[in-house]
Amino acid sequence: NNNRAGFVMGINQILNGLFSAVGMVPVSISAGFIAATKIREKRAFVVGSILITLISFFPPITLFFASIPSPVAFAVKFITFTTLVLMAFNEFSTIKDPGRKQILAISLIVGLGSMFIPSTALSNVPVFLVSILNNGLILGVIICIALEQGLVAFGSRKINRQD
């Protein structure tokens, strides 16, 4: 099943390259959309993808959608994002290991906090780091992975000492 999905995504990327279109990227907010709308059928997403592809052939229509103010788009995404956050907190409540909860809490705080750093504060930082430090999601995930790997490494040393 995953191989078929990967194959279809590959074909999709090739077609996007041929037609100079923006490729479809699966994002986690899709889970929030599915939970908020209760639409789980593939057909709705296929129809939506086809409509987006057709719209891309008509620049005036694309321009119309591109001219929608950002706050309107953010308001639409807010509903699906809050559903996604609710799903995350529900999953968080099922974790029994306090160390893992601390890792998630630290990652969340660092990710959210990084979004409030003014861009002027990073003016002397290399550009490749700015793109990471300005993105709370990416920074939070990196912190989470680093802390998780540290916990695994520390946990395995601790286990080996007891033997």
C-alpha atoms as a PDB file:
ATOM      1  CA  ASN A   1       0.000   0.000   0.000  1.00  0.00           C
ATOM      2  CA  ASN A   2       2.818   2.432   0.891  1.00  0.00           C
ATOM      3  CA  ASN A   3       4.658   1.467  -2.296  1.00  0.00           C
ATOM      4  CA  ARG A   4       1.630   2.397  -4.398  1.00  0.00           C
ATOM      5  CA  ALA A   5       1.304   5.734  -2.615  1.00  0.00           C
ATOM      6  CA  GLY A   6       5.004   6.453  -3.168  1.00  0.00           C
ATOM      7  CA  PHE A   7       4.711   5.506  -6.833  1.00  0.00           C
ATOM      8  CA  VAL A   8       1.695   7.773  -7.351  1.00  0.00           C
ATOM      9  CA  MET A   9       3.427  10.655  -5.531  1.00  0.00           C
ATOM     10  CA  GLY A  10       6.459  10.166  -7.804  1.00  0.00           C
ATOM     11  CA  ILE A  11       4.293  10.363 -10.929  1.00  0.00           C
ATOM     12  CA  ASN A  12       2.594  13.413  -9.449  1.00  0.00           C
ATOM     13  CA  GLN A  13       5.967  15.123  -8.899  1.00  0.00           C
ATOM     14  CA  ILE A  14       7.054  14.352 -12.471  1.00  0.00           C
ATOM     15  CA  LEU A  15       3.824  15.813 -13.876  1.00  0.00           C
ATOM     16  CA  ASN A  16       4.188  18.880 -11.670  1.00  0.00           C
ATOM     17  CA  GLY A  17       7.704  19.395 -13.007  1.00  0.00           C
ATOM     18  CA  LEU A  18       6.572  19.017 -16.617  1.00  0.00           C
ATOM     19  CA  PHE A  19       3.782  21.565 -16.221  1.00  0.00           C
ATOM     20  CA  SER A  20       5.678  23.918 -13.886  1.00  0.00           C
ATOM     21  CA  ALA A  21       3.058  23.435 -11.207  1.00  0.00           C
ATOM     22  CA  VAL A  22       3.531  23.387  -7.458  1.00  0.00           C
ATOM     23  CA  GLY A  23       3.729  19.810  -6.232  1.00  0.00           C
ATOM     24  CA  MET A  24       1.285  18.382  -3.751  1.00  0.00           C
ATOM     25  CA  VAL A  25       2.882  17.886  -0.361  1.00  0.00           C
ATOM     26  CA  PRO A  26       1.158  15.782   2.253  1.00  0.00           C
ATOM     27  CA  VAL A  27       0.895  17.864   5.400  1.00  0.00           C
ATOM     28  CA  SER A  28      -0.202  17.021   8.883  1.00  0.00           C
ATOM     29  CA  ILE A  29      -3.005  19.576   8.734  1.00  0.00           C
ATOM     30  CA  SER A  30      -4.788  17.132   6.413  1.00  0.00           C
ATOM     31  CA  ALA A  31      -5.488  14.998   9.461  1.00  0.00           C
ATOM     32  CA  GLY A  32      -7.127  18.006  11.097  1.00  0.00           C
ATOM     33  CA  PHE A  33      -9.172  18.620   7.948  1.00  0.00           C
ATOM     34  CA  ILE A  34     -10.370  15.017   7.905  1.00  0.00           C
ATOM     35  CA  ALA A  35     -11.254  15.131  11.605  1.00  0.00           C
ATOM     36  CA  ALA A  36     -13.058  18.488  11.283  1.00  0.00           C
ATOM     37  CA  THR A  37     -15.074  17.632   8.167  1.00  0.00           C
ATOM     38  CA  LYS A  38     -15.561  13.911   8.863  1.00  0.00           C
ATOM     39  CA  ILE A  39     -14.898  13.301   5.140  1.00  0.00           C
ATOM     40  CA  ARG A  40     -12.788  10.173   4.880  1.00  0.00           C
ATOM     41  CA  GLU A  41     -13.452   9.087   1.305  1.00  0.00           C
ATOM     42  CA  LYS A  42     -10.595   9.321  -1.185  1.00  0.00           C
ATOM     43  CA  ARG A  43     -12.956  10.614  -3.845  1.00  0.00           C
ATOM     44  CA  ALA A  44     -13.295  14.029  -2.170  1.00  0.00           C
ATOM     45  CA  PHE A  45      -9.526  14.503  -2.131  1.00  0.00           C
ATOM     46  CA  VAL A  46      -9.147  13.287  -5.713  1.00  0.00           C
ATOM     47  CA  VAL A  47     -11.849  15.700  -6.891  1.00  0.00           C
ATOM     48  CA  GLY A  48     -10.199  18.516  -4.916  1.00  0.00           C
ATOM     49  CA  SER A  49      -6.811  17.741  -6.438  1.00  0.00           C
ATOM     50  CA  ILE A  50      -8.292  17.667  -9.938  1.00  0.00           C
ATOM     51  CA  LEU A  51     -10.017  21.013  -9.345  1.00  0.00           C
ATOM     52  CA  ILE A  52      -6.767  22.593  -8.134  1.00  0.00           C
ATOM     53  CA  THR A  53      -4.973  21.225 -11.196  1.00  0.00           C
ATOM     54  CA  LEU A  54      -7.675  22.554 -13.544  1.00  0.00           C
ATOM     55  CA  ILE A  55      -7.629  25.967 -11.865  1.00  0.00           C
ATOM     56  CA  SER A  56      -3.870  26.170 -12.449  1.00  0.00           C
ATOM     57  CA  PHE A  57      -4.529  26.245 -16.223  1.00  0.00           C
ATOM     58  CA  PHE A  58      -6.470  29.518 -15.836  1.00  0.00           C
ATOM     59  CA  PRO A  59      -4.219  32.302 -14.521  1.00  0.00           C
ATOM     60  CA  PRO A  60      -7.069  34.764 -13.793  1.00  0.00           C
ATOM     61  CA  ILE A  61      -8.700  32.213 -11.476  1.00  0.00           C
ATOM     62  CA  THR A  62      -5.346  31.426  -9.875  1.00  0.00           C
ATOM     63  CA  LEU A  63      -4.742  35.163  -9.407  1.00  0.00           C
ATOM     64  CA  PHE A  64      -8.156  35.520  -7.758  1.00  0.00           C
ATOM     65  CA  PHE A  65      -7.378  32.809  -5.212  1.00  0.00           C
ATOM     66  CA  ALA A  66      -3.857  34.151  -4.691  1.00  0.00           C
ATOM     67  CA  SER A  67      -5.295  37.594  -3.936  1.00  0.00           C
ATOM     68  CA  ILE A  68      -7.387  36.356  -1.018  1.00  0.00           C
ATOM     69  CA  PRO A  69      -5.981  38.098   2.075  1.00  0.00           C
ATOM     70  CA  SER A  70      -3.800  35.967   4.327  1.00  0.00           C
ATOM     71  CA  PRO A  71      -6.051  36.449   7.401  1.00  0.00           C
ATOM     72  CA  VAL A  72      -8.916  34.787   5.522  1.00  0.00           C
ATOM     73  CA  ALA A  73      -6.739  31.791   4.660  1.00  0.00           C
ATOM     74  CA  PHE A  74      -5.474  31.623   8.247  1.00  0.00           C
ATOM     75  CA  ALA A  75      -9.051  31.719   9.556  1.00  0.00           C
ATOM     76  CA  VAL A  76      -9.928  28.738   7.386  1.00  0.00           C
ATOM     77  CA  LYS A  77      -6.824  26.857   8.488  1.00  0.00           C
ATOM     78  CA  PHE A  78      -7.524  27.723  12.137  1.00  0.00           C
ATOM     79  CA  ILE A  79     -10.362  25.213  12.373  1.00  0.00           C
ATOM     80  CA  THR A  80      -8.327  22.334  11.000  1.00  0.00           C
ATOM     81  CA  PHE A  81      -5.267  23.360  13.012  1.00  0.00           C
ATOM     82  CA  THR A  82      -7.205  23.433  16.295  1.00  0.00           C
ATOM     83  CA  THR A  83      -8.589  19.986  15.511  1.00  0.00           C
ATOM     84  CA  LEU A  84      -5.041  18.785  14.869  1.00  0.00           C
ATOM     85  CA  VAL A  85      -3.831  20.281  18.162  1.00  0.00           C
ATOM     86  CA  LEU A  86      -6.716  18.611  19.993  1.00  0.00           C
ATOM     87  CA  MET A  87      -5.714  15.278  18.460  1.00  0.00           C
ATOM     88  CA  ALA A  88      -2.138  15.896  19.605  1.00  0.00           C
ATOM     89  CA  PHE A  89      -3.172  16.664  23.187  1.00  0.00           C
ATOM     90  CA  ASN A  90      -5.388  13.574  23.260  1.00  0.00           C
ATOM     91  CA  GLU A  91      -2.407  11.512  22.120  1.00  0.00           C
ATOM     92  CA  PHE A  92      -0.189  13.300  24.656  1.00  0.00           C
ATOM     93  CA  SER A  93      -2.509  12.231  27.476  1.00  0.00           C
ATOM     94  CA  THR A  94      -1.981   8.556  26.591  1.00  0.00           C
ATOM     95  CA  ILE A  95       1.797   8.735  27.157  1.00  0.00           C
ATOM     96  CA  LYS A  96       2.758   7.199  30.485  1.00  0.00           C
ATOM     97  CA  ASP A  97       6.525   7.862  30.461  1.00  0.00           C
ATOM     98  CA  PRO A  98       7.222  11.222  32.170  1.00  0.00           C
ATOM     99  CA  GLY A  99      10.539  11.577  30.297  1.00  0.00           C
ATOM    100  CA  ARG A 100       8.757  11.419  26.954  1.00  0.00           C
ATOM    101  CA  LYS A 101       6.165  13.941  28.171  1.00  0.00           C
ATOM    102  CA  GLN A 102       8.967  16.310  29.154  1.00  0.00           C
ATOM    103  CA  ILE A 103      10.562  15.936  25.713  1.00  0.00           C
ATOM    104  CA  LEU A 104       7.278  16.793  24.020  1.00  0.00           C
ATOM    105  CA  ALA A 105       6.643  19.730  26.354  1.00  0.00           C
ATOM    106  CA  ILE A 106      10.132  21.163  25.804  1.00  0.00           C
ATOM    107  CA  SER A 107       9.811  20.722  22.034  1.00  0.00           C
ATOM    108  CA  LEU A 108       6.425  22.448  22.027  1.00  0.00           C
ATOM    109  CA  ILE A 109       7.664  25.377  24.111  1.00  0.00           C
ATOM    110  CA  VAL A 110      10.818  25.834  22.008  1.00  0.00           C
ATOM    111  CA  GLY A 111       8.826  25.604  18.761  1.00  0.00           C
ATOM    112  CA  LEU A 112       6.167  28.061  19.897  1.00  0.00           C
ATOM    113  CA  GLY A 113       8.707  30.390  21.479  1.00  0.00           C
ATOM    114  CA  SER A 114      10.809  30.538  18.326  1.00  0.00           C
ATOM    115  CA  MET A 115       7.886  31.997  16.426  1.00  0.00           C
ATOM    116  CA  PHE A 116       8.031  35.110  18.631  1.00  0.00           C
ATOM    117  CA  ILE A 117      11.684  35.879  17.919  1.00  0.00           C
ATOM    118  CA  PRO A 118      11.825  39.030  15.791  1.00  0.00           C
ATOM    119  CA  SER A 119      13.606  38.586  12.482  1.00  0.00           C
ATOM    120  CA  THR A 120      15.995  41.400  13.392  1.00  0.00           C
ATOM    121  CA  ALA A 121      17.346  39.267  16.241  1.00  0.00           C
ATOM    122  CA  LEU A 122      18.625  36.753  13.695  1.00  0.00           C
ATOM    123  CA  SER A 123      20.219  39.261  11.312  1.00  0.00           C
ATOM    124  CA  ASN A 124      23.783  38.053  12.092  1.00  0.00           C
ATOM    125  CA  VAL A 125      22.895  34.352  11.892  1.00  0.00           C
ATOM    126  CA  PRO A 126      23.692  32.386   8.697  1.00  0.00           C
ATOM    127  CA  VAL A 127      20.740  32.201   6.303  1.00  0.00           C
ATOM    128  CA  PHE A 128      20.429  28.402   6.455  1.00  0.00           C
ATOM    129  CA  LEU A 129      20.036  28.612  10.246  1.00  0.00           C
ATOM    130  CA  VAL A 130      17.526  31.463  10.047  1.00  0.00           C
ATOM    131  CA  SER A 131      15.191  29.287   7.977  1.00  0.00           C
ATOM    132  CA  ILE A 132      15.292  26.670  10.738  1.00  0.00           C
ATOM    133  CA  LEU A 133      15.148  29.044  13.719  1.00  0.00           C
ATOM    134  CA  ASN A 134      12.225  31.023  12.240  1.00  0.00           C
ATOM    135  CA  ASN A 135      10.122  27.890  11.693  1.00  0.00           C
ATOM    136  CA  GLY A 136       8.642  26.731  14.989  1.00  0.00           C
ATOM    137  CA  LEU A 137       7.458  23.407  13.565  1.00  0.00           C
ATOM    138  CA  ILE A 138      10.841  22.444  12.156  1.00  0.00           C
ATOM    139  CA  LEU A 139      12.750  23.648  15.219  1.00  0.00           C
ATOM    140  CA  GLY A 140      10.377  21.818  17.577  1.00  0.00           C
ATOM    141  CA  VAL A 141      10.719  18.584  15.602  1.00  0.00           C
ATOM    142  CA  ILE A 142      14.521  18.872  15.549  1.00  0.00           C
ATOM    143  CA  ILE A 143      14.588  19.474  19.315  1.00  0.00           C
ATOM    144  CA  CYS A 144      12.228  16.539  19.850  1.00  0.00           C
ATOM    145  CA  ILE A 145      14.345  14.181  17.746  1.00  0.00           C
ATOM    146  CA  ALA A 146      17.564  15.325  19.439  1.00  0.00           C
ATOM    147  CA  LEU A 147      16.123  14.924  22.934  1.00  0.00           C
ATOM    148  CA  GLU A 148      14.534  11.582  22.038  1.00  0.00           C
ATOM    149  CA  GLN A 149      17.822  10.256  20.677  1.00  0.00           C
ATOM    150  CA  GLY A 150      19.574  11.537  23.791  1.00  0.00           C
ATOM    151  CA  LEU A 151      17.041   9.759  25.980  1.00  0.00           C
ATOM    152  CA  VAL A 152      17.509   6.546  24.005  1.00  0.00           C
ATOM    153  CA  ALA A 153      21.303   6.815  24.204  1.00  0.00           C
ATOM    154  CA  PHE A 154      21.240   7.703  27.909  1.00  0.00           C
ATOM    155  CA  GLY A 155      18.617   5.038  28.622  1.00  0.00           C
ATOM    156  CA  SER A 156      20.675   2.330  26.899  1.00  0.00           C
ATOM    157  CA  ARG A 157      23.806   3.311  28.905  1.00  0.00           C
ATOM    158  CA  LYS A 158      21.775   3.212  32.072  1.00  0.00           C
ATOM    159  CA  ILE A 159      20.474  -0.262  31.219  1.00  0.00           C
ATOM    160  CA  ASN A 160      23.991  -1.489  30.372  1.00  0.00           C
ATOM    161  CA  ARG A 161      25.340  -0.254  33.731  1.00  0.00           C
ATOM    162  CA  GLN A 162      22.724  -2.264  35.586  1.00  0.00           C
ATOM    163  CA  ASP A 163      23.778  -5.507  33.856  1.00  0.00           C
END
